[in-house]
Amino acid sequence: MKFTAYILDVLTDSVYPARITIEDGIFKEIVPIQVTEETEIDVEGLMLPGLIDSHIHIESSMMTPAQFAKIAVRHGTTSVVCDPHEIANVHGIDGIEFMIENASTVPFNFYFSAPSCVPATAFETSGAVIDSEDIEYLLQKPEVVALAEMMNFPGVIGADEEVLRKLRIARMYNKPIDGHAPLVSGRELDRYIEQGIVTDHECSSFQEAIEKKQKGMKIMVRDGSSAKNMDDLFDFSQRIEYYKNQDSFGIIPNEVLSRRLHSPIFDFIVADDKNPKDLINGHLNESVKKAVDLGVDVIKAIEMVTINPAAHYGLDGGSIVTGSKADFIIVDNLVDFNILKTYISGECVFDGENVLFDVEDVEVVNSINVDKKSPEDFNIYFDGDECEVNVIQCFDGDLITKKTTAKLTTKEGILQPDISEDVLKIAVVERHGSNNLTNAFIKGFGIKKGAMAASIAHDSHNIVVIGCSSQKMAEAVNKVVDNKGGIAVVSDDFEGSLSLPIAGLMSNEDGFVTAKKLESLQKMAFALGCKLTAPFMTMAFMSLLVIPSIKLSDKGLFDGDSFEFMDVIRN
């Protein structure tokens, strides 16, 4: 395959015309050329390296890896480093090997990280456990390029022996170790980094990211469906203030400062979790455009999703150079950034209209092992007329929650939600065979009637349900059970569901079909009164104990600051 094209060179931050030769899926020769009036450029548009998402959980797309690839190539993504800890919490090693096998059936570059925290903590019930011996087994697989995010930061800081053993094994195999340390700072952050943990994607402010960057971490700027930190981390005014403070002696010329303002301080742009409704509309291509809108130089933004992740994880690709894997995209220009074609190993996989490979269905094994629930299961009893309760307060676009309180009244000895004050009921139903169930209260969802439930509940993926009444909560949970996993919305006026029978997390269906069903359910959630941008994604994180400050597991209400359980009813 030989052709001429204009190339974006992410190694020299330049664009130049070249004659390209591809053989056996590799860039065999790249020769810069001089353009004259007689020169014929074969490719209309600009040739870029294929885009790389360096941190994503495929399961959050509700698609199998193969179905995910069909959507991703439309947006110029050719490679992902995915952490399969969602399915690992359900099916363990077998689940990870399913993901690797399914990924191998399509022309797309799936790299994997070995899930370091299955379960994320001992304060919840998962369907499996991945110990240090399992980690060593996984790190020997050629598809596994890193140890996945170490979410158990208290275990690292507190020198838990099994946690440290996993980190030692990763270092022994020379694998990068990804981090997860929300709001960790000072000496505790030092102890975390001292164990060889080199990235973080949980920064929720510019100041937090700068501290971690200054201490040597590489920062992933997250632009997912629920968690969106790009606005804060690329905030132009904060960058100006940072450089002013850096240059307190006035020794940096103004033109240098100006250039630095448009260069990102941070290293990667990642999705982390992207639902199918958002994914069909764009992936890293849209994140690059958003970064540019926030004042980041476009070539620097592209480097964050090409050469930077390739260099960090040792991936074959990320730049258009002789000897590299021929993964590349054609865009119309660097302003509109429309994907005209996508190539993997020199073969066109997206021609601008159609994806040029097919996906087969996978066999489904039911992973929902739980009894049907009755309304009484979702009651919280109190002997008195009213009491004060601890409440989870959530916020749109943020995984961090806040501890708050509310005064609630009782009816026939049962604590009642306060719909007018947006204090709703929340429960987590264990679905791996133990039948645990815990109840609490939550603020921030805004629903006025009905309930919604899902078997997507990070990270152990029990069933989470939020509602205005015990009756509707039971109906929603039982619908999820009937569907062998998925999402359900119920009210007196309407109901709907999305079946996700693969580990209770994914569907065999095409991404556009899944996205359409999810969009219908989201409209139902809005009809209940929910005001959140991504209601089901936000709900899924209300059981993620390793994100401060208060969450709910199947074992109880959890204080993410002190890392211990707390009572729902305040004494």
Protein backbone atom coordinates (compact mmCIF):
# COMPACT_ATOMS: atom_id res chain seq x y z
CA MET A 1 0.00 0.00 0.00
CA LYS A 2 1.56 3.29 -1.12
CA PHE A 3 0.11 6.79 -1.03
CA THR A 4 0.93 10.43 -0.37
CA ALA A 5 -0.62 12.44 2.45
CA TYR A 6 -0.11 15.31 4.85
CA ILE A 7 1.00 13.86 8.20
CA LEU A 8 0.60 15.30 11.69
CA ASP A 9 3.88 14.40 13.40
CA VAL A 10 3.29 14.27 17.17
CA LEU A 11 7.03 13.87 17.77
CA THR A 12 7.95 17.23 16.25
CA ASP A 13 4.61 19.06 16.56
CA SER A 14 4.56 19.62 12.81
CA VAL A 15 2.61 18.84 9.65
CA TYR A 16 4.40 17.78 6.48
CA PRO A 17 3.66 15.98 3.19
CA ALA A 18 5.10 12.48 2.79
CA ARG A 19 5.07 9.38 0.68
CA ILE A 20 3.96 6.46 2.90
CA THR A 21 4.49 2.76 2.29
CA ILE A 22 2.67 0.18 4.42
CA GLU A 23 3.50 -3.53 4.35
CA ASP A 24 2.20 -6.28 6.64
CA GLY A 25 0.38 -3.74 8.77
CA ILE A 26 3.55 -1.72 9.48
CA PHE A 27 4.77 1.66 8.29
CA LYS A 28 7.65 0.42 6.14
CA GLU A 29 8.71 3.80 4.76
CA ILE A 30 7.81 7.43 5.36
CA VAL A 31 9.58 9.86 3.07
CA PRO A 32 8.99 13.63 3.33
CA ILE A 33 8.35 15.20 -0.07
CA GLN A 34 8.36 18.64 -1.60
CA VAL A 35 4.98 19.74 -2.90
CA THR A 36 4.87 21.43 -6.29
CA GLU A 37 2.07 22.22 -8.69
CA GLU A 38 2.57 18.76 -10.23
CA THR A 39 2.51 16.89 -6.91
CA GLU A 40 -0.53 14.69 -6.41
CA ILE A 41 -1.65 14.20 -2.81
CA ASP A 42 -3.68 10.99 -2.64
CA VAL A 43 -5.36 11.55 0.71
CA GLU A 44 -7.86 14.35 1.12
CA GLY A 45 -7.55 15.54 4.70
CA LEU A 46 -4.90 15.16 7.37
CA MET A 47 -3.34 11.87 8.53
CA LEU A 48 -3.04 11.44 12.31
CA PRO A 49 -2.05 8.54 14.58
CA GLY A 50 -5.02 6.49 15.75
CA LEU A 51 -6.46 7.76 19.04
CA ILE A 52 -5.71 5.87 22.27
CA ASP A 53 -7.85 5.88 25.42
CA SER A 54 -5.42 5.04 28.21
CA HIS A 55 -8.04 4.35 30.88
CA ILE A 56 -11.51 2.98 30.21
CA HIS A 57 -13.88 0.37 31.58
CA ILE A 58 -15.46 -1.23 28.53
CA GLU A 59 -18.28 -2.67 30.63
CA SER A 60 -19.61 0.85 31.30
CA SER A 61 -20.43 1.10 27.59
CA MET A 62 -22.88 -1.78 28.21
CA MET A 63 -21.30 -3.49 25.18
CA THR A 64 -18.96 -6.40 24.74
CA PRO A 65 -15.44 -5.39 23.67
CA ALA A 66 -16.24 -6.38 20.08
CA GLN A 67 -19.39 -4.24 19.98
CA PHE A 68 -17.49 -1.38 21.65
CA ALA A 69 -14.88 -1.51 18.89
CA LYS A 70 -17.57 -1.07 16.22
CA ILE A 71 -18.55 2.25 17.79
CA ALA A 72 -15.06 3.43 18.77
CA VAL A 73 -13.54 3.20 15.28
CA ARG A 74 -16.23 5.59 14.00
CA HIS A 75 -14.65 8.23 16.25
CA GLY A 76 -11.03 7.52 15.34
CA THR A 77 -10.17 5.40 18.36
CA THR A 78 -7.89 2.52 17.43
CA SER A 79 -6.59 1.43 20.84
CA VAL A 80 -7.72 1.33 24.46
CA VAL A 81 -6.10 0.35 27.73
CA CYS A 82 -9.06 -1.13 29.54
CA ASP A 83 -9.43 -2.18 33.14
CA PRO A 84 -11.92 -5.10 33.30
CA HIS A 85 -12.49 -4.87 37.03
CA GLU A 86 -16.24 -4.52 36.54
CA ILE A 87 -16.65 -8.02 35.13
CA ALA A 88 -13.84 -9.27 37.38
CA ASN A 89 -15.97 -8.36 40.40
CA VAL A 90 -18.70 -10.60 38.99
CA HIS A 91 -16.83 -13.50 37.36
CA GLY A 92 -13.21 -13.14 38.46
CA ILE A 93 -10.44 -14.50 36.21
CA ASP A 94 -13.02 -16.14 33.95
CA GLY A 95 -14.60 -12.75 33.30
CA ILE A 96 -11.26 -11.16 32.41
CA GLU A 97 -10.41 -13.99 30.04
CA PHE A 98 -13.83 -13.63 28.41
CA MET A 99 -13.04 -9.95 27.74
CA ILE A 100 -9.63 -10.79 26.27
CA GLU A 101 -11.06 -13.55 24.07
CA ASN A 102 -13.97 -11.45 22.82
CA ALA A 103 -11.64 -8.53 22.13
CA SER A 104 -9.46 -10.75 19.94
CA THR A 105 -12.35 -11.37 17.50
CA VAL A 106 -12.24 -7.88 15.95
CA PRO A 107 -9.58 -5.71 14.28
CA PHE A 108 -8.98 -3.32 17.17
CA ASN A 109 -6.18 -2.88 19.71
CA PHE A 110 -7.40 -3.90 23.14
CA TYR A 111 -4.77 -3.71 25.86
CA PHE A 112 -5.67 -4.70 29.39
CA SER A 113 -4.63 -3.84 32.92
CA ALA A 114 -4.84 -6.42 35.71
CA PRO A 115 -7.58 -5.42 38.20
CA SER A 116 -5.82 -4.66 41.47
CA CYS A 117 -8.85 -4.33 43.74
CA VAL A 118 -11.40 -7.12 43.38
CA PRO A 119 -13.24 -6.36 45.55
CA ALA A 120 -12.24 -2.74 46.00
CA THR A 121 -12.66 -3.09 49.78
CA ALA A 122 -13.59 -5.72 52.34
CA PHE A 123 -16.71 -3.69 53.20
CA GLU A 124 -18.86 -5.09 50.36
CA THR A 125 -19.74 -8.42 48.78
CA SER A 126 -18.39 -9.17 45.32
CA GLY A 127 -18.82 -12.20 43.11
CA ALA A 128 -15.10 -12.97 43.06
CA VAL A 129 -11.72 -12.18 44.59
CA ILE A 130 -8.51 -11.47 42.67
CA ASP A 131 -5.53 -12.07 44.95
CA SER A 132 -1.82 -11.48 44.42
CA GLU A 133 -1.33 -14.91 42.84
CA ASP A 134 -4.03 -14.07 40.31
CA ILE A 135 -2.31 -10.74 39.64
CA GLU A 136 0.96 -12.51 38.82
CA TYR A 137 -0.91 -14.87 36.48
CA LEU A 138 -2.54 -11.95 34.68
CA LEU A 139 0.60 -9.83 34.39
CA GLN A 140 2.26 -12.62 32.43
CA LYS A 141 -0.37 -12.39 29.69
CA PRO A 142 0.85 -10.51 26.60
CA GLU A 143 -2.40 -8.51 26.44
CA VAL A 144 -1.89 -7.12 29.98
CA VAL A 145 0.27 -3.99 30.02
CA ALA A 146 -0.26 -2.58 33.52
CA LEU A 147 -1.58 -3.09 37.03
CA ALA A 148 -4.98 -1.41 37.10
CA GLU A 149 -5.94 1.48 39.33
CA MET A 150 -5.05 0.84 42.97
CA MET A 151 -8.33 1.99 44.50
CA ASN A 152 -7.55 0.70 47.96
CA PHE A 153 -5.48 3.76 48.81
CA PRO A 154 -6.05 3.26 52.57
CA GLY A 155 -4.52 -0.21 52.14
CA VAL A 156 -1.47 1.28 50.42
CA ILE A 157 -1.05 4.06 52.96
CA GLY A 158 -1.65 1.64 55.85
CA ALA A 159 0.82 -0.92 54.38
CA ASP A 160 -1.64 -3.79 54.00
CA GLU A 161 0.55 -6.78 53.15
CA GLU A 162 -1.63 -8.25 50.38
CA VAL A 163 -2.00 -4.83 48.74
CA LEU A 164 1.75 -4.24 48.86
CA ARG A 165 2.38 -7.73 47.48
CA LYS A 166 0.34 -6.91 44.37
CA LEU A 167 2.36 -3.73 43.89
CA ARG A 168 5.66 -5.58 44.32
CA ILE A 169 4.63 -8.12 41.68
CA ALA A 170 3.80 -5.34 39.22
CA ARG A 171 7.18 -3.74 39.80
CA MET A 172 8.87 -7.13 39.39
CA TYR A 173 7.28 -7.47 35.93
CA ASN A 174 8.12 -3.83 35.08
CA LYS A 175 4.45 -2.97 34.55
CA PRO A 176 3.19 0.58 35.12
CA ILE A 177 0.86 0.90 38.11
CA ASP A 178 -2.24 3.05 37.73
CA GLY A 179 -3.56 5.04 40.65
CA HIS A 180 -6.86 6.07 42.15
CA ALA A 181 -6.38 8.48 45.03
CA PRO A 182 -9.23 11.00 45.27
CA LEU A 183 -8.39 13.93 47.58
CA VAL A 184 -5.29 12.14 48.93
CA SER A 185 -2.68 14.76 49.76
CA GLY A 186 0.44 15.55 51.77
CA ARG A 187 2.37 12.79 53.45
CA GLU A 188 -0.35 10.22 52.73
CA LEU A 189 0.04 10.95 49.02
CA ASP A 190 3.81 10.53 49.39
CA ARG A 191 3.34 7.09 50.91
CA TYR A 192 0.99 6.16 48.09
CA ILE A 193 3.41 7.29 45.37
CA GLU A 194 6.39 5.63 47.09
CA GLN A 195 4.92 2.25 46.11
CA GLY A 196 5.48 2.97 42.41
CA ILE A 197 1.98 4.21 41.57
CA VAL A 198 2.45 6.55 38.65
CA THR A 199 -0.92 7.81 37.35
CA ASP A 200 -4.13 9.26 38.74
CA HIS A 201 -7.49 9.96 37.10
CA GLU A 202 -9.46 11.05 40.18
CA CYS A 203 -8.37 14.68 40.47
CA SER A 204 -11.41 16.88 40.98
CA SER A 205 -9.57 20.23 41.15
CA PHE A 206 -6.61 21.93 39.53
CA GLN A 207 -4.86 22.25 42.89
CA GLU A 208 -5.19 18.51 43.58
CA ALA A 209 -3.82 17.64 40.15
CA ILE A 210 -0.89 20.06 40.46
CA GLU A 211 0.22 18.58 43.77
CA LYS A 212 0.19 15.08 42.31
CA LYS A 213 1.96 16.27 39.15
CA GLN A 214 4.64 18.04 41.17
CA LYS A 215 5.25 14.80 43.07
CA GLY A 216 5.84 12.90 39.85
CA MET A 217 2.48 11.41 38.94
CA LYS A 218 1.08 11.49 35.41
CA ILE A 219 -2.39 13.01 35.40
CA MET A 220 -5.31 11.61 33.42
CA VAL A 221 -7.91 14.26 32.61
CA ARG A 222 -11.26 12.50 32.71
CA ASP A 223 -14.07 13.22 30.27
CA GLY A 224 -16.63 10.49 30.89
CA SER A 225 -20.40 10.28 31.07
CA SER A 226 -20.80 11.02 34.76
CA ALA A 227 -17.39 12.24 35.90
CA LYS A 228 -16.12 15.21 33.88
CA ASN A 229 -13.00 16.88 35.29
CA MET A 230 -11.71 18.58 32.13
CA ASP A 231 -13.22 21.99 32.88
CA ASP A 232 -11.49 22.14 36.27
CA LEU A 233 -8.14 20.70 35.23
CA PHE A 234 -7.85 22.79 32.06
CA ASP A 235 -9.22 25.95 33.68
CA PHE A 236 -7.41 28.81 31.94
CA SER A 237 -7.51 31.26 34.85
CA GLN A 238 -5.98 28.70 37.20
CA ARG A 239 -3.21 27.96 34.69
CA ILE A 240 -2.43 31.69 34.48
CA GLU A 241 -2.24 31.92 38.26
CA TYR A 242 -0.04 28.83 38.42
CA TYR A 243 2.48 30.21 35.92
CA LYS A 244 2.49 33.63 37.60
CA ASN A 245 3.39 31.96 40.88
CA GLN A 246 6.05 29.90 39.12
CA ASP A 247 7.58 33.03 37.63
CA SER A 248 7.59 35.19 40.74
CA PHE A 249 11.09 36.42 39.83
CA GLY A 250 10.04 37.47 36.31
CA ILE A 251 12.71 35.43 34.55
CA ILE A 252 10.45 33.73 31.97
CA PRO A 253 9.82 35.83 28.82
CA ASN A 254 6.19 36.69 28.10
CA GLU A 255 6.21 34.84 24.77
CA VAL A 256 7.35 31.67 26.55
CA LEU A 257 4.63 32.05 29.17
CA SER A 258 2.07 32.50 26.40
CA ARG A 259 3.12 29.27 24.72
CA ARG A 260 3.11 27.39 28.01
CA LEU A 261 -0.42 28.53 28.78
CA HIS A 262 -1.65 26.58 25.77
CA SER A 263 0.38 23.47 26.58
CA PRO A 264 -1.40 21.07 28.92
CA ILE A 265 0.32 20.55 32.24
CA PHE A 266 -1.22 17.11 32.37
CA ASP A 267 -0.60 13.94 30.41
CA PHE A 268 -3.61 12.00 29.12
CA ILE A 269 -7.27 12.50 28.27
CA VAL A 270 -9.37 9.46 29.20
CA ALA A 271 -13.03 8.43 29.24
CA ASP A 272 -12.92 6.12 32.29
CA ASP A 273 -16.66 5.35 32.05
CA LYS A 274 -18.70 6.16 28.94
CA ASN A 275 -22.29 5.03 28.49
CA PRO A 276 -23.52 3.95 25.04
CA LYS A 277 -25.76 7.00 24.57
CA ASP A 278 -22.71 9.26 24.86
CA LEU A 279 -20.32 6.91 23.07
CA ILE A 280 -22.29 6.80 19.83
CA ASN A 281 -21.96 10.59 19.68
CA GLY A 282 -18.22 10.71 20.19
CA HIS A 283 -15.20 9.47 22.09
CA LEU A 284 -11.71 10.97 22.27
CA ASN A 285 -12.34 13.00 19.12
CA GLU A 286 -14.92 15.05 21.01
CA SER A 287 -12.66 15.28 24.07
CA VAL A 288 -9.85 16.73 21.95
CA LYS A 289 -12.21 19.39 20.58
CA LYS A 290 -13.39 20.19 24.10
CA ALA A 291 -9.80 20.56 25.30
CA VAL A 292 -9.09 22.97 22.44
CA ASP A 293 -12.19 24.99 23.37
CA LEU A 294 -10.69 25.27 26.87
CA GLY A 295 -7.51 26.81 25.50
CA VAL A 296 -5.26 23.77 24.98
CA ASP A 297 -3.14 23.71 21.83
CA VAL A 298 -4.72 21.21 19.43
CA ILE A 299 -1.52 19.28 18.72
CA LYS A 300 -0.78 19.00 22.43
CA ALA A 301 -4.32 17.72 23.02
CA ILE A 302 -3.81 15.12 20.28
CA GLU A 303 -0.54 14.03 21.90
CA MET A 304 -2.50 13.29 25.10
CA VAL A 305 -4.45 10.63 23.20
CA THR A 306 -1.67 9.30 20.94
CA ILE A 307 2.05 9.39 21.70
CA ASN A 308 1.73 10.03 25.45
CA PRO A 309 -0.26 6.85 26.29
CA ALA A 310 1.70 4.80 23.74
CA ALA A 311 5.01 5.81 25.32
CA HIS A 312 3.79 5.33 28.89
CA TYR A 313 2.31 1.86 28.42
CA GLY A 314 4.77 0.67 25.78
CA LEU A 315 2.11 0.29 23.08
CA ASP A 316 2.82 -0.31 19.42
CA GLY A 317 1.45 2.85 17.84
CA GLY A 318 0.75 6.43 18.85
CA SER A 319 2.83 8.03 16.09
CA ILE A 320 3.34 7.78 12.36
CA VAL A 321 6.95 6.58 12.12
CA THR A 322 8.81 3.90 10.21
CA GLY A 323 8.51 0.50 11.89
CA SER A 324 5.41 1.38 13.89
CA LYS A 325 2.05 -0.34 13.59
CA ALA A 326 0.02 1.36 10.86
CA ASP A 327 -2.87 2.60 12.98
CA PHE A 328 -4.01 5.97 11.71
CA ILE A 329 -7.00 8.15 10.99
CA ILE A 330 -7.88 10.75 8.38
CA VAL A 331 -9.57 13.94 9.61
CA ASP A 332 -10.90 16.81 7.55
CA ASN A 333 -8.98 19.45 9.53
CA LEU A 334 -7.82 20.28 13.05
CA VAL A 335 -10.77 22.57 13.75
CA ASP A 336 -13.80 20.47 12.87
CA PHE A 337 -11.89 17.24 13.54
CA ASN A 338 -14.37 15.05 11.68
CA ILE A 339 -13.21 11.45 11.26
CA LEU A 340 -13.15 10.60 7.55
CA LYS A 341 -11.52 7.16 7.79
CA THR A 342 -9.98 4.87 10.39
CA TYR A 343 -7.22 2.34 9.70
CA ILE A 344 -5.85 -0.43 11.93
CA SER A 345 -2.75 -2.35 10.85
CA GLY A 346 -3.02 -0.59 7.51
CA GLU A 347 -6.55 -1.89 6.84
CA CYS A 348 -9.55 0.44 6.63
CA VAL A 349 -12.04 -0.43 9.39
CA PHE A 350 -14.26 2.64 9.00
CA ASP A 351 -14.75 4.26 5.59
CA GLY A 352 -16.56 7.37 6.75
CA GLU A 353 -19.98 5.75 6.64
CA ASN A 354 -19.69 2.07 7.48
CA VAL A 355 -17.71 -0.08 9.91
CA LEU A 356 -16.04 -2.78 7.82
CA PHE A 357 -16.14 -5.74 10.22
CA ASP A 358 -18.86 -7.82 11.88
CA VAL A 359 -19.45 -8.94 15.47
CA GLU A 360 -20.89 -12.23 16.67
CA ASP A 361 -23.11 -12.73 19.72
CA VAL A 362 -21.64 -14.35 22.81
CA GLU A 363 -23.18 -17.01 25.02
CA VAL A 364 -24.98 -15.66 28.09
CA VAL A 365 -24.67 -17.16 31.58
CA ASN A 366 -27.00 -15.75 34.25
CA SER A 367 -25.04 -13.99 36.99
CA ILE A 368 -28.01 -12.65 39.00
CA ASN A 369 -28.23 -14.93 42.02
CA VAL A 370 -30.74 -13.23 44.29
CA ASP A 371 -34.27 -13.83 45.62
CA LYS A 372 -37.17 -11.63 44.54
CA LYS A 373 -37.79 -8.78 46.97
CA SER A 374 -40.92 -7.55 48.73
CA PRO A 375 -41.71 -3.93 49.67
CA GLU A 376 -41.03 -4.70 53.33
CA ASP A 377 -37.38 -5.38 52.49
CA PHE A 378 -36.90 -1.68 51.76
CA ASN A 379 -38.38 -0.30 54.99
CA ILE A 380 -36.30 1.39 57.68
CA TYR A 381 -38.01 1.11 61.05
CA PHE A 382 -37.86 3.56 63.96
CA ASP A 383 -39.70 3.61 67.26
CA GLY A 384 -40.76 7.24 67.48
CA ASP A 385 -42.42 10.05 65.56
CA GLU A 386 -39.31 11.48 63.92
CA CYS A 387 -35.53 11.20 63.90
CA GLU A 388 -32.43 12.59 62.27
CA VAL A 389 -30.72 10.45 59.63
CA ASN A 390 -27.42 10.52 57.77
CA VAL A 391 -27.91 11.19 54.06
CA ILE A 392 -25.75 10.72 50.97
CA GLN A 393 -25.71 13.93 48.93
CA CYS A 394 -24.66 13.53 45.29
CA PHE A 395 -23.85 16.13 42.63
CA ASP A 396 -24.21 16.18 38.87
CA GLY A 397 -20.98 15.34 37.03
CA ASP A 398 -19.06 14.42 40.20
CA LEU A 399 -18.36 11.09 41.86
CA ILE A 400 -17.51 12.68 45.20
CA THR A 401 -20.46 12.79 47.58
CA LYS A 402 -21.09 14.82 50.70
CA LYS A 403 -22.37 13.81 54.12
CA THR A 404 -25.52 15.60 55.12
CA THR A 405 -28.47 14.99 57.43
CA ALA A 406 -32.25 15.22 57.39
CA LYS A 407 -35.13 14.99 59.85
CA LEU A 408 -37.66 12.38 58.77
CA THR A 409 -41.02 11.35 60.17
CA THR A 410 -42.44 7.87 60.63
CA LYS A 411 -45.65 6.27 59.51
CA GLU A 412 -46.65 3.07 61.30
CA GLY A 413 -43.09 2.80 62.60
CA ILE A 414 -41.50 3.17 59.14
CA LEU A 415 -39.26 6.12 58.27
CA GLN A 416 -40.67 8.08 55.33
CA PRO A 417 -38.66 9.81 52.61
CA ASP A 418 -39.12 13.57 52.30
CA ILE A 419 -39.86 14.02 48.60
CA SER A 420 -40.34 17.79 48.91
CA GLU A 421 -36.77 18.09 50.25
CA ASP A 422 -35.40 15.54 47.77
CA VAL A 423 -34.54 13.02 50.50
CA LEU A 424 -35.16 9.67 48.81
CA LYS A 425 -34.68 6.04 49.67
CA ILE A 426 -31.64 4.11 48.41
CA ALA A 427 -30.82 0.43 48.82
CA VAL A 428 -28.14 -2.00 47.70
CA VAL A 429 -29.22 -5.62 47.13
CA GLU A 430 -26.43 -8.20 47.06
CA ARG A 431 -26.79 -10.32 43.92
CA HIS A 432 -23.95 -12.85 44.14
CA GLY A 433 -25.75 -15.37 46.38
CA SER A 434 -25.65 -13.96 49.93
CA ASN A 435 -28.92 -11.97 49.71
CA ASN A 436 -27.67 -9.08 51.83
CA LEU A 437 -29.71 -5.88 51.62
CA THR A 438 -29.12 -2.47 53.16
CA ASN A 439 -31.18 0.72 53.13
CA ALA A 440 -30.32 4.39 53.54
CA PHE A 441 -31.29 7.84 52.25
CA ILE A 442 -29.95 9.98 49.41
CA LYS A 443 -30.30 13.56 48.20
CA GLY A 444 -29.59 14.98 44.75
CA PHE A 445 -31.56 12.78 42.36
CA GLY A 446 -34.72 14.86 42.48
CA ILE A 447 -37.22 12.16 41.54
CA LYS A 448 -40.81 12.78 42.66
CA LYS A 449 -42.31 9.35 42.05
CA GLY A 450 -41.44 5.75 41.21
CA ALA A 451 -38.03 4.11 41.38
CA MET A 452 -35.06 3.09 39.25
CA ALA A 453 -32.71 0.15 39.75
CA ALA A 454 -29.66 -1.37 38.06
CA SER A 455 -27.23 -4.26 38.39
CA ILE A 456 -24.46 -1.80 37.50
CA ALA A 457 -23.18 -0.62 40.87
CA HIS A 458 -19.46 0.02 41.14
CA ASP A 459 -17.46 -1.92 41.90
CA SER A 460 -19.00 -5.16 43.15
CA HIS A 461 -22.03 -4.68 40.90
CA ASN A 462 -24.77 -5.58 43.29
CA ILE A 463 -28.20 -4.14 42.54
CA VAL A 464 -28.66 -0.48 43.47
CA VAL A 465 -32.10 1.09 43.63
CA ILE A 466 -33.33 4.63 44.36
CA GLY A 467 -36.98 5.46 44.84
CA CYS A 468 -39.81 7.27 46.52
CA SER A 469 -41.51 4.18 47.95
CA SER A 470 -40.67 0.66 49.07
CA GLN A 471 -43.30 -0.73 46.72
CA LYS A 472 -41.76 0.78 43.59
CA MET A 473 -38.24 -0.09 44.72
CA ALA A 474 -39.23 -3.75 45.00
CA GLU A 475 -40.84 -3.66 41.56
CA ALA A 476 -37.74 -2.12 39.98
CA VAL A 477 -35.34 -4.60 41.60
CA ASN A 478 -37.50 -7.58 40.61
CA LYS A 479 -37.57 -6.36 37.01
CA VAL A 480 -33.76 -6.35 36.98
CA VAL A 481 -33.77 -9.88 38.41
CA ASP A 482 -36.25 -11.07 35.77
CA ASN A 483 -34.05 -9.61 33.01
CA LYS A 484 -30.91 -11.36 34.32
CA GLY A 485 -29.41 -7.95 34.92
CA GLY A 486 -29.74 -4.45 33.54
CA ILE A 487 -31.64 -1.26 34.31
CA ALA A 488 -35.29 -0.72 35.19
CA VAL A 489 -37.50 2.34 35.73
CA VAL A 490 -40.99 1.99 37.22
CA SER A 491 -43.82 4.31 38.21
CA ASP A 492 -47.61 4.19 38.34
CA ASP A 493 -47.73 5.76 34.87
CA PHE A 494 -45.03 3.86 32.94
CA GLU A 495 -42.20 1.39 33.19
CA GLY A 496 -39.27 0.28 31.06
CA SER A 497 -36.11 -1.77 31.22
CA LEU A 498 -32.85 -2.57 29.46
CA SER A 499 -31.64 -6.15 29.72
CA LEU A 500 -27.89 -6.59 30.27
CA PRO A 501 -27.54 -10.36 30.63
CA ILE A 502 -23.75 -10.58 30.16
CA ALA A 503 -22.52 -10.40 33.77
CA GLY A 504 -25.43 -8.05 34.48
CA LEU A 505 -23.31 -5.38 32.78
CA MET A 506 -23.36 -5.80 29.00
CA SER A 507 -25.62 -6.60 26.08
CA ASN A 508 -25.07 -8.60 22.90
CA GLU A 509 -26.88 -5.92 20.95
CA ASP A 510 -25.34 -3.34 18.67
CA GLY A 511 -24.28 -0.15 20.45
CA PHE A 512 -26.82 2.00 18.61
CA VAL A 513 -29.65 -0.31 19.74
CA THR A 514 -28.42 -0.28 23.34
CA ALA A 515 -27.99 3.49 23.23
CA LYS A 516 -31.56 3.97 21.97
CA LYS A 517 -32.96 1.83 24.80
CA LEU A 518 -30.83 3.67 27.35
CA GLU A 519 -32.00 7.02 26.01
CA SER A 520 -35.63 5.89 26.39
CA LEU A 521 -34.98 4.90 29.99
CA GLN A 522 -33.20 8.16 30.68
CA LYS A 523 -36.25 10.07 29.45
CA MET A 524 -38.31 7.99 31.88
CA ALA A 525 -35.91 8.93 34.69
CA PHE A 526 -36.33 12.59 33.74
CA ALA A 527 -40.11 12.06 33.78
CA LEU A 528 -39.74 10.83 37.38
CA GLY A 529 -38.21 14.22 38.11
CA CYS A 530 -34.50 13.37 37.95
CA LYS A 531 -32.33 16.33 36.96
CA LEU A 532 -28.95 14.58 36.67
CA THR A 533 -27.23 14.50 33.29
CA ALA A 534 -26.42 10.77 33.51
CA PRO A 535 -28.80 9.39 36.17
CA PHE A 536 -27.92 5.69 35.85
CA MET A 537 -24.19 6.30 35.71
CA THR A 538 -24.40 8.52 38.79
CA MET A 539 -26.53 5.94 40.59
CA ALA A 540 -23.96 3.27 39.78
CA PHE A 541 -21.28 5.18 41.70
CA MET A 542 -23.32 5.57 44.89
CA SER A 543 -21.95 2.22 46.05
CA LEU A 544 -18.29 2.93 45.20
CA LEU A 545 -16.81 3.04 48.68
CA VAL A 546 -13.35 4.22 47.58
CA ILE A 547 -14.72 7.60 46.50
CA PRO A 548 -15.37 9.98 49.44
CA SER A 549 -17.27 10.95 51.40
CA ILE A 550 -20.28 8.67 51.97
CA LYS A 551 -21.57 5.67 50.02
CA LEU A 552 -23.73 2.55 50.53
CA SER A 553 -22.70 -1.08 50.13
CA ASP A 554 -24.68 -4.27 50.66
CA LYS A 555 -23.20 -4.33 54.17
CA GLY A 556 -24.13 -0.82 55.27
CA LEU A 557 -23.73 2.95 55.02
CA PHE A 558 -20.04 3.75 54.65
CA ASP A 559 -17.95 6.74 55.73
CA GLY A 560 -15.35 7.12 52.99
CA ASP A 561 -13.28 9.55 55.08
CA SER A 562 -12.79 7.36 58.14
CA PHE A 563 -13.17 4.17 56.06
CA GLU A 564 -15.69 2.57 58.40
CA PHE A 565 -19.42 1.98 58.57
CA MET A 566 -21.77 4.57 60.01
CA ASP A 567 -25.35 4.38 61.25
CA VAL A 568 -28.24 5.55 59.10
CA ILE A 569 -30.14 6.80 62.13
CA ARG A 570 -28.15 9.39 64.09
CA ASN A 571 -27.95 8.93 67.84
